[in-house]
Amino acid sequence: MRRGRVSVEIKEYPTDELAAQPIGAWSGEVYRRVVGALRAQLAVEDLTQPHWWTLNHVAGEPGRWTRAALTERLTPYDDQGIDFDGVFDDLVARGWLTEGEGGGMTLTEAGQAGRLRARERNLRVHEQTHEGVDTADFVTTINVLRRMVANLGGDGNLPD
């Protein structure tokens, strides 16, 4: 699925210099760049991350998620004070999402098509992010970050 992108070369440094780097600064920079790139791609479809999260959860288990249950599930990922009811209302107004009698949400054909377009855009960001990074190095990085989260009192497990 490579799109012909060439890895950007980065300077090599001695191990002791790299080991002294501030993890918060580097992890923060990665977060801002990855999330910024994802948000930019979602914006092409006039979507936000909460729209994306909603589309994926509902697609994965049609009819299971009510507004209340999905809001509870997604709130831990909210770093912007999101109005989840506004997100759900927007997707219903677009004709991308319907709500059944019990409140369970289901994607429409238009919603599934939009989700797949957004997914393709996000995959491009994923590919760009992983360019030049060996899979084993990526896995090690994720495990190191999980350990750091756990060391600082967070949940280092992968999301359900």
Protein backbone atom coordinates (compact mmCIF):
# COMPACT_ATOMS: atom_id res chain seq x y z
CA MET A 1 0.00 0.00 0.00
CA ARG A 2 3.02 2.27 -0.29
CA ARG A 3 2.44 5.40 -2.27
CA GLY A 4 6.04 5.99 -3.37
CA ARG A 5 6.91 8.25 -0.46
CA VAL A 6 10.61 8.55 0.32
CA SER A 7 11.73 8.47 3.94
CA VAL A 8 13.17 11.68 5.28
CA GLU A 9 16.71 11.20 6.53
CA ILE A 10 17.42 12.09 10.14
CA LYS A 11 20.75 12.76 11.77
CA GLU A 12 22.37 10.04 13.89
CA TYR A 13 23.32 10.83 17.52
CA PRO A 14 25.28 9.01 20.21
CA THR A 15 23.21 6.73 22.47
CA ASP A 16 23.93 8.77 25.61
CA GLU A 17 22.69 11.95 23.94
CA LEU A 18 19.48 10.24 22.79
CA ALA A 19 18.92 8.64 26.21
CA ALA A 20 19.01 12.11 27.80
CA GLN A 21 16.23 13.47 25.58
CA PRO A 22 12.97 14.60 27.24
CA ILE A 23 10.32 11.96 26.46
CA GLY A 24 7.49 14.42 27.17
CA ALA A 25 8.74 16.85 24.55
CA TRP A 26 9.20 14.17 21.89
CA SER A 27 5.97 12.28 22.65
CA GLY A 28 4.10 15.60 22.69
CA GLU A 29 5.55 16.57 19.33
CA VAL A 30 4.59 13.19 17.86
CA TYR A 31 1.07 13.54 19.27
CA ARG A 32 0.61 17.03 17.81
CA ARG A 33 1.89 15.99 14.39
CA VAL A 34 0.02 12.67 14.12
CA VAL A 35 -3.26 14.01 15.47
CA GLY A 36 -2.87 17.17 13.39
CA ALA A 37 -2.36 15.12 10.22
CA LEU A 38 -5.34 12.88 11.03
CA ARG A 39 -7.57 15.86 11.83
CA ALA A 40 -6.55 17.55 8.59
CA GLN A 41 -7.48 14.46 6.57
CA LEU A 42 -10.80 14.06 8.39
CA ALA A 43 -11.59 17.73 7.77
CA VAL A 44 -11.56 17.01 4.02
CA GLU A 45 -14.75 15.00 4.68
CA ASP A 46 -15.98 17.72 7.10
CA LEU A 47 -15.39 15.29 9.98
CA THR A 48 -13.75 15.63 13.37
CA GLN A 49 -12.09 12.88 15.38
CA PRO A 50 -15.29 12.38 17.43
CA HIS A 51 -17.20 11.88 14.16
CA TRP A 52 -14.59 9.29 13.17
CA TRP A 53 -14.74 7.53 16.53
CA THR A 54 -18.54 7.42 16.32
CA LEU A 55 -18.57 6.06 12.78
CA ASN A 56 -16.13 3.28 13.66
CA HIS A 57 -17.85 2.22 16.87
CA VAL A 58 -21.28 2.16 15.24
CA ALA A 59 -19.96 0.32 12.16
CA GLY A 60 -18.32 -2.29 14.40
CA GLU A 61 -21.49 -3.05 16.36
CA PRO A 62 -24.58 -1.70 14.59
CA GLY A 63 -27.52 -1.09 16.91
CA ARG A 64 -25.46 -1.61 20.09
CA TRP A 65 -24.37 1.95 20.79
CA THR A 66 -26.80 4.47 22.22
CA ARG A 67 -25.86 8.11 22.67
CA ALA A 68 -25.27 7.63 26.40
CA ALA A 69 -23.21 4.44 26.02
CA LEU A 70 -21.06 5.87 23.22
CA THR A 71 -20.53 9.17 25.03
CA GLU A 72 -19.35 7.23 28.10
CA ARG A 73 -17.03 5.11 25.94
CA LEU A 74 -15.51 8.07 24.06
CA THR A 75 -15.21 10.65 26.84
CA PRO A 76 -11.79 9.39 28.04
CA TYR A 77 -10.37 10.30 24.58
CA ASP A 78 -11.85 13.81 24.64
CA ASP A 79 -9.17 16.49 24.85
CA GLN A 80 -11.33 19.30 23.47
CA GLY A 81 -14.56 19.41 25.54
CA ILE A 82 -16.57 17.68 22.83
CA ASP A 83 -20.33 17.99 22.56
CA PHE A 84 -21.00 14.36 21.63
CA ASP A 85 -24.74 14.97 21.17
CA GLY A 86 -23.79 17.63 18.61
CA VAL A 87 -21.62 15.09 16.79
CA PHE A 88 -24.41 12.49 16.79
CA ASP A 89 -26.94 15.12 15.66
CA ASP A 90 -24.64 16.16 12.81
CA LEU A 91 -24.24 12.60 11.58
CA VAL A 92 -28.02 12.06 11.73
CA ALA A 93 -28.63 15.35 9.88
CA ARG A 94 -26.18 14.32 7.14
CA GLY A 95 -28.06 11.07 6.72
CA TRP A 96 -25.03 9.04 7.81
CA LEU A 97 -26.49 7.68 11.04
CA THR A 98 -29.91 6.50 12.17
CA GLU A 99 -31.21 5.79 15.66
CA GLY A 100 -33.62 2.92 16.33
CA GLU A 101 -36.51 2.86 18.81
CA GLY A 102 -34.23 1.81 21.66
CA GLY A 103 -31.69 4.47 20.68
CA GLY A 104 -29.25 2.05 19.06
CA MET A 105 -27.33 3.73 16.25
CA THR A 106 -26.68 2.29 12.78
CA LEU A 107 -24.75 3.67 9.82
CA THR A 108 -26.58 4.32 6.58
CA GLU A 109 -25.02 3.51 3.20
CA ALA A 110 -23.88 7.14 2.97
CA GLY A 111 -22.38 6.89 6.45
CA GLN A 112 -20.50 3.71 5.61
CA ALA A 113 -19.22 5.25 2.36
CA GLY A 114 -18.04 8.35 4.23
CA ARG A 115 -16.38 6.20 6.88
CA LEU A 116 -14.51 4.24 4.22
CA ARG A 117 -13.32 7.44 2.49
CA ALA A 118 -12.08 8.81 5.81
CA ARG A 119 -10.46 5.46 6.60
CA GLU A 120 -8.46 5.62 3.36
CA ARG A 121 -7.28 9.13 4.22
CA ASN A 122 -6.27 8.03 7.72
CA LEU A 123 -4.40 5.03 6.32
CA ARG A 124 -2.25 7.43 4.30
CA VAL A 125 -1.31 9.26 7.49
CA HIS A 126 -0.59 5.90 9.15
CA GLU A 127 1.69 4.92 6.25
CA GLN A 128 3.50 8.25 6.34
CA THR A 129 3.96 7.96 10.10
CA HIS A 130 5.47 4.46 9.79
CA GLU A 131 7.71 5.26 6.80
CA GLY A 132 11.27 4.15 7.58
CA VAL A 133 10.27 2.64 10.94
CA ASP A 134 10.87 -1.08 11.30
CA THR A 135 7.86 -2.98 12.69
CA ALA A 136 9.93 -4.34 15.59
CA ASP A 137 11.05 -0.79 16.47
CA PHE A 138 7.45 0.42 16.33
CA VAL A 139 6.30 -2.39 18.64
CA THR A 140 9.15 -1.62 21.05
CA THR A 141 8.17 2.06 21.03
CA ILE A 142 4.53 1.24 21.80
CA ASN A 143 5.57 -1.08 24.62
CA VAL A 144 7.92 1.53 26.08
CA LEU A 145 5.17 4.17 25.99
CA ARG A 146 2.68 1.72 27.55
CA ARG A 147 5.18 1.03 30.35
CA MET A 148 5.69 4.77 30.94
CA VAL A 149 1.94 5.33 31.11
CA ALA A 150 1.59 2.51 33.63
CA ASN A 151 4.57 3.78 35.65
CA LEU A 152 2.81 7.13 35.98
CA GLY A 153 -0.45 5.61 37.17
CA GLY A 154 -2.29 5.25 33.86
CA ASP A 155 -3.70 2.26 32.08
CA GLY A 156 -0.93 0.82 29.91
CA ASN A 157 -3.21 -1.77 28.35
CA LEU A 158 -4.51 -1.49 24.81
CA PRO A 159 -8.07 -0.12 24.52
CA ASP A 160 -10.85 -2.69 24.30
